[in-house]
Amino acid sequence: MNFKLCGKGVLSTDPIQMMSFLDVKNGNYVMNDQMPKVQLSALGLILSSHKGDRYVSSLNLQPDVEHNYYFSNSHRAGSTLSATILHPEGTGSITLASSDPFDRPIIDPKLLSTPKDRESAKAGLRYMRDLANTQVLKQYGAYFVDERHSTRERISPDVDPTSDEYLDEMINNFTGVLYHPAGSCKMGALGDTTAVVDPQLRVQGGIQGLRVVDNSIMPHLTSGNTNAPAIMIGEKGSHMIIQAYT
């Protein structure tokens, strides 16, 4: 109501207030002008499992982990940092569950299936930890995940929370998928047997009159959110279709 009447309130701003892009060298984060491997996002809210937060529920956490780390945030104000691997080395798959076209397909994103992907994830966590420990953010109560939990409530009570081993435990317990799937119908040159569509976005293999015009045609993922690329693909695809029939 505040937004509708006055243009103010929580709906008047984007939930992600800040982004940062990092490269990863030898397992450590670095700032340079190369293609980034990790995207850091700062949300203007604290994730909570209270009242069925969809993102938290999508993580499929163990009940005790969800309660200790998220349920207690239900009435707190603040910000949340998260790290995203931009160019994962592991390749996921989509396969048919059955011959029934109404059955949902089997989607396996192969999360963190290579050592390099795990190193990139840990580099992002190290960057968040270093940020949370700066004096600027400390004055606002910033903390790295397990700094506010007693030892018995931590995901690995017997592991040093400042160690690489603990970062591995965090990755194993908190990794999820963002809502930006792409690359399942690769675009490639005519005759490319690994490509689903040709440069005109037409499905190959003898199928006539069928095109794919969305983020699934990306042969390589973009370095960041996919909304703008999706709009570009839609605009370009629509022009191709118009040209083909005029």
Protein backbone atom coordinates (compact mmCIF):
# COMPACT_ATOMS: atom_id res chain seq x y z
CA MET A 1 0.00 0.00 0.00
CA ASN A 2 2.86 2.38 0.86
CA PHE A 3 4.42 1.78 -2.55
CA LYS A 4 1.11 2.06 -4.44
CA LEU A 5 0.10 5.33 -2.77
CA CYS A 6 3.45 7.02 -2.16
CA GLY A 7 6.03 5.18 -4.23
CA LYS A 8 7.95 4.33 -1.06
CA GLY A 9 8.64 1.33 1.12
CA VAL A 10 10.31 -2.04 0.57
CA LEU A 11 8.86 -2.45 -2.96
CA SER A 12 10.44 0.80 -4.15
CA THR A 13 13.93 -0.67 -4.32
CA ASP A 14 15.66 -3.77 -5.66
CA PRO A 15 16.31 -6.50 -3.08
CA ILE A 16 19.95 -6.72 -4.20
CA GLN A 17 21.63 -3.47 -3.16
CA MET A 18 25.22 -4.17 -4.22
CA MET A 19 27.24 -6.53 -6.40
CA SER A 20 30.94 -7.25 -6.64
CA PHE A 21 32.84 -9.43 -9.12
CA LEU A 22 35.97 -11.43 -8.31
CA ASP A 23 38.52 -13.52 -10.13
CA VAL A 24 40.05 -16.62 -8.53
CA LYS A 25 43.75 -17.47 -8.73
CA ASN A 26 45.31 -20.45 -6.96
CA GLY A 27 42.25 -20.78 -4.74
CA ASN A 28 42.27 -17.13 -3.59
CA TYR A 29 40.12 -14.21 -4.67
CA VAL A 30 41.75 -11.37 -6.61
CA MET A 31 40.55 -8.07 -8.07
CA ASN A 32 41.62 -7.62 -11.69
CA ASP A 33 40.30 -6.84 -15.17
CA GLN A 34 39.92 -10.50 -16.19
CA MET A 35 36.61 -12.32 -16.70
CA PRO A 36 35.23 -12.79 -13.16
CA LYS A 37 34.57 -16.22 -11.72
CA VAL A 38 32.52 -15.22 -8.64
CA GLN A 39 29.72 -12.71 -8.13
CA LEU A 40 29.02 -11.36 -4.67
CA SER A 41 25.51 -10.03 -3.95
CA ALA A 42 24.31 -8.02 -0.97
CA LEU A 43 20.61 -8.43 -0.24
CA GLY A 44 18.82 -5.74 1.74
CA LEU A 45 17.31 -8.35 4.04
CA ILE A 46 18.19 -11.35 6.19
CA LEU A 47 17.17 -14.75 4.85
CA SER A 48 14.81 -16.58 7.15
CA SER A 49 12.94 -19.88 7.16
CA HIS A 50 10.04 -18.19 8.98
CA LYS A 51 6.73 -18.46 7.09
CA GLY A 52 8.25 -20.65 4.39
CA ASP A 53 10.92 -18.54 2.72
CA ARG A 54 11.11 -20.09 -0.77
CA TYR A 55 14.86 -19.71 -1.23
CA VAL A 56 15.71 -21.21 2.14
CA SER A 57 13.31 -24.09 1.55
CA SER A 58 14.92 -24.75 -1.85
CA LEU A 59 18.26 -25.48 -0.16
CA ASN A 60 16.85 -28.72 1.31
CA LEU A 61 18.74 -28.16 4.54
CA GLN A 62 18.80 -30.56 7.43
CA PRO A 63 16.06 -29.51 9.92
CA ASP A 64 18.54 -28.61 12.69
CA VAL A 65 20.69 -26.55 10.29
CA GLU A 66 17.66 -24.65 8.98
CA HIS A 67 16.46 -23.92 12.51
CA ASN A 68 19.84 -22.82 13.88
CA TYR A 69 20.85 -20.66 10.94
CA TYR A 70 17.63 -19.28 9.50
CA PHE A 71 14.60 -19.57 11.77
CA SER A 72 16.15 -17.27 14.39
CA ASN A 73 16.35 -14.51 11.75
CA SER A 74 12.58 -14.20 11.41
CA HIS A 75 12.27 -10.85 13.21
CA ARG A 76 15.66 -9.30 12.50
CA ALA A 77 16.61 -6.50 10.11
CA GLY A 78 19.88 -6.52 8.21
CA SER A 79 21.65 -7.56 5.03
CA THR A 80 22.85 -10.89 3.61
CA LEU A 81 25.91 -11.56 1.46
CA SER A 82 25.97 -14.47 -0.97
CA ALA A 83 28.53 -15.74 -3.48
CA THR A 84 27.71 -17.19 -6.91
CA ILE A 85 30.01 -19.19 -9.21
CA LEU A 86 29.62 -17.52 -12.61
CA HIS A 87 31.34 -19.98 -14.93
CA PRO A 88 31.14 -23.44 -13.36
CA GLU A 89 33.41 -26.07 -14.84
CA GLY A 90 30.94 -28.84 -14.06
CA THR A 91 28.24 -29.42 -16.70
CA GLY A 92 24.72 -30.34 -15.67
CA SER A 93 22.19 -32.44 -17.52
CA ILE A 94 18.47 -32.62 -18.34
CA THR A 95 17.03 -36.02 -19.19
CA LEU A 96 13.55 -37.40 -19.73
CA ALA A 97 11.97 -39.14 -16.77
CA SER A 98 9.72 -41.24 -19.01
CA SER A 99 7.92 -41.25 -22.36
CA ASP A 100 5.09 -39.26 -20.80
CA PRO A 101 5.46 -35.61 -21.98
CA PHE A 102 3.74 -34.40 -18.81
CA ASP A 103 6.32 -35.96 -16.48
CA ARG A 104 8.82 -33.47 -15.13
CA PRO A 105 12.32 -33.94 -16.57
CA ILE A 106 15.25 -35.01 -14.40
CA ILE A 107 17.49 -31.98 -13.86
CA ASP A 108 20.94 -32.51 -12.37
CA PRO A 109 22.99 -29.28 -12.21
CA LYS A 110 26.11 -31.19 -11.08
CA LEU A 111 26.81 -28.57 -8.43
CA LEU A 112 30.44 -28.32 -7.29
CA SER A 113 31.33 -31.48 -9.19
CA THR A 114 34.89 -30.35 -9.96
CA PRO A 115 37.76 -29.21 -7.67
CA LYS A 116 37.93 -25.83 -9.46
CA ASP A 117 34.26 -25.11 -8.74
CA ARG A 118 34.79 -25.87 -5.05
CA GLU A 119 37.84 -23.60 -4.98
CA SER A 120 35.82 -20.77 -6.54
CA ALA A 121 33.06 -21.24 -3.95
CA LYS A 122 35.58 -21.19 -1.09
CA ALA A 123 37.24 -18.06 -2.51
CA GLY A 124 33.85 -16.34 -2.45
CA LEU A 125 33.34 -17.36 1.18
CA ARG A 126 36.80 -16.05 2.11
CA TYR A 127 35.95 -12.71 0.54
CA MET A 128 32.68 -12.50 2.48
CA ARG A 129 34.49 -13.39 5.69
CA ASP A 130 37.12 -10.71 5.12
CA LEU A 131 34.42 -8.13 4.35
CA ALA A 132 32.47 -8.99 7.49
CA ASN A 133 35.63 -8.51 9.56
CA THR A 134 36.38 -4.99 8.30
CA GLN A 135 35.97 -2.17 10.80
CA VAL A 136 33.46 -0.42 8.54
CA LEU A 137 31.03 -3.34 8.60
CA LYS A 138 31.81 -4.43 12.15
CA GLN A 139 30.35 -1.17 13.44
CA TYR A 140 27.02 -2.24 11.94
CA GLY A 141 27.13 -5.66 13.55
CA ALA A 142 28.40 -7.65 10.56
CA TYR A 143 29.50 -11.22 11.25
CA PHE A 144 30.52 -14.31 9.30
CA VAL A 145 27.95 -17.09 9.56
CA ASP A 146 29.22 -19.09 12.53
CA GLU A 147 30.56 -16.23 14.64
CA ARG A 148 27.20 -15.88 16.39
CA HIS A 149 26.48 -19.57 17.00
CA SER A 150 27.66 -21.60 19.93
CA THR A 151 29.95 -24.50 19.05
CA ARG A 152 27.26 -27.13 19.58
CA GLU A 153 24.95 -25.41 17.04
CA ARG A 154 27.52 -25.25 14.25
CA ILE A 155 27.40 -27.54 11.24
CA SER A 156 30.76 -29.06 12.25
CA PRO A 157 31.33 -28.48 15.98
CA ASP A 158 34.72 -30.23 15.96
CA VAL A 159 36.21 -28.32 13.01
CA ASP A 160 38.05 -24.99 13.28
CA PRO A 161 35.60 -22.44 11.74
CA THR A 162 38.52 -20.45 10.24
CA SER A 163 39.90 -23.48 8.36
CA ASP A 164 39.50 -24.58 4.74
CA GLU A 165 37.90 -27.77 6.01
CA TYR A 166 35.14 -25.72 7.61
CA LEU A 167 34.56 -23.81 4.36
CA ASP A 168 34.07 -27.18 2.67
CA GLU A 169 31.45 -28.07 5.29
CA MET A 170 29.67 -24.76 4.67
CA ILE A 171 29.63 -25.42 0.93
CA ASN A 172 28.24 -28.91 1.48
CA ASN A 173 25.45 -27.59 3.73
CA PHE A 174 24.44 -24.26 2.19
CA THR A 175 24.90 -24.52 -1.58
CA GLY A 176 21.81 -23.89 -3.69
CA VAL A 177 20.77 -22.95 -7.23
CA LEU A 178 19.78 -19.44 -8.27
CA TYR A 179 16.81 -18.81 -10.54
CA HIS A 180 18.89 -18.10 -13.67
CA PRO A 181 19.14 -21.43 -15.53
CA ALA A 182 20.80 -21.26 -18.96
CA GLY A 183 22.71 -23.23 -21.55
CA SER A 184 20.65 -26.41 -21.93
CA CYS A 185 20.00 -25.90 -25.70
CA LYS A 186 23.38 -24.69 -26.92
CA MET A 187 23.59 -22.58 -30.09
CA GLY A 188 26.31 -23.61 -32.53
CA ALA A 189 27.41 -23.59 -36.14
CA LEU A 190 25.57 -25.62 -38.76
CA GLY A 191 26.65 -29.22 -38.45
CA ASP A 192 27.84 -28.84 -34.83
CA THR A 193 26.62 -32.12 -33.32
CA THR A 194 26.91 -30.70 -29.78
CA ALA A 195 24.51 -27.83 -30.59
CA VAL A 196 20.72 -27.98 -30.32
CA VAL A 197 20.04 -24.85 -32.41
CA ASP A 198 21.86 -23.17 -35.30
CA PRO A 199 22.86 -19.46 -35.48
CA GLN A 200 19.27 -18.65 -36.54
CA LEU A 201 18.02 -20.39 -33.37
CA ARG A 202 16.40 -23.15 -35.42
CA VAL A 203 16.34 -26.60 -33.83
CA GLN A 204 18.66 -28.92 -35.76
CA GLY A 205 18.14 -32.57 -36.61
CA GLY A 206 15.48 -32.33 -39.29
CA ILE A 207 12.75 -30.63 -37.20
CA GLN A 208 11.01 -27.90 -39.20
CA GLY A 209 9.46 -24.67 -37.94
CA LEU A 210 10.79 -24.87 -34.38
CA ARG A 211 13.12 -22.34 -32.73
CA VAL A 212 14.35 -21.84 -29.19
CA VAL A 213 14.55 -18.18 -28.16
CA ASP A 214 15.62 -17.88 -24.53
CA ASN A 215 18.66 -18.21 -22.26
CA SER A 216 18.94 -21.93 -22.88
CA ILE A 217 20.67 -21.24 -26.22
CA MET A 218 23.74 -19.67 -24.57
CA PRO A 219 26.85 -21.70 -25.49
CA HIS A 220 28.65 -20.01 -22.56
CA LEU A 221 27.17 -18.35 -19.49
CA THR A 222 27.33 -14.59 -19.09
CA SER A 223 29.24 -13.05 -16.18
CA GLY A 224 26.30 -11.92 -14.09
CA ASN A 225 22.51 -11.91 -13.99
CA THR A 226 20.72 -13.10 -17.11
CA ASN A 227 17.76 -10.73 -17.38
CA ALA A 228 19.37 -8.30 -19.87
CA PRO A 229 20.81 -11.12 -22.04
CA ALA A 230 17.36 -12.77 -22.10
CA ILE A 231 15.81 -9.55 -23.41
CA MET A 232 18.52 -9.26 -26.06
CA ILE A 233 18.03 -12.87 -27.18
CA GLY A 234 14.27 -12.32 -27.40
CA GLU A 235 14.67 -9.14 -29.46
CA LYS A 236 17.21 -10.74 -31.81
CA GLY A 237 15.17 -13.94 -32.14
CA SER A 238 11.98 -12.06 -32.97
CA HIS A 239 13.79 -10.11 -35.72
CA MET A 240 15.11 -13.38 -37.17
CA ILE A 241 11.62 -14.86 -37.29
CA ILE A 242 10.17 -11.71 -38.92
CA GLN A 243 12.93 -11.69 -41.55
CA ALA A 244 12.36 -15.37 -42.28
CA TYR A 245 8.68 -14.79 -43.16
CA THR A 246 8.86 -11.43 -44.98
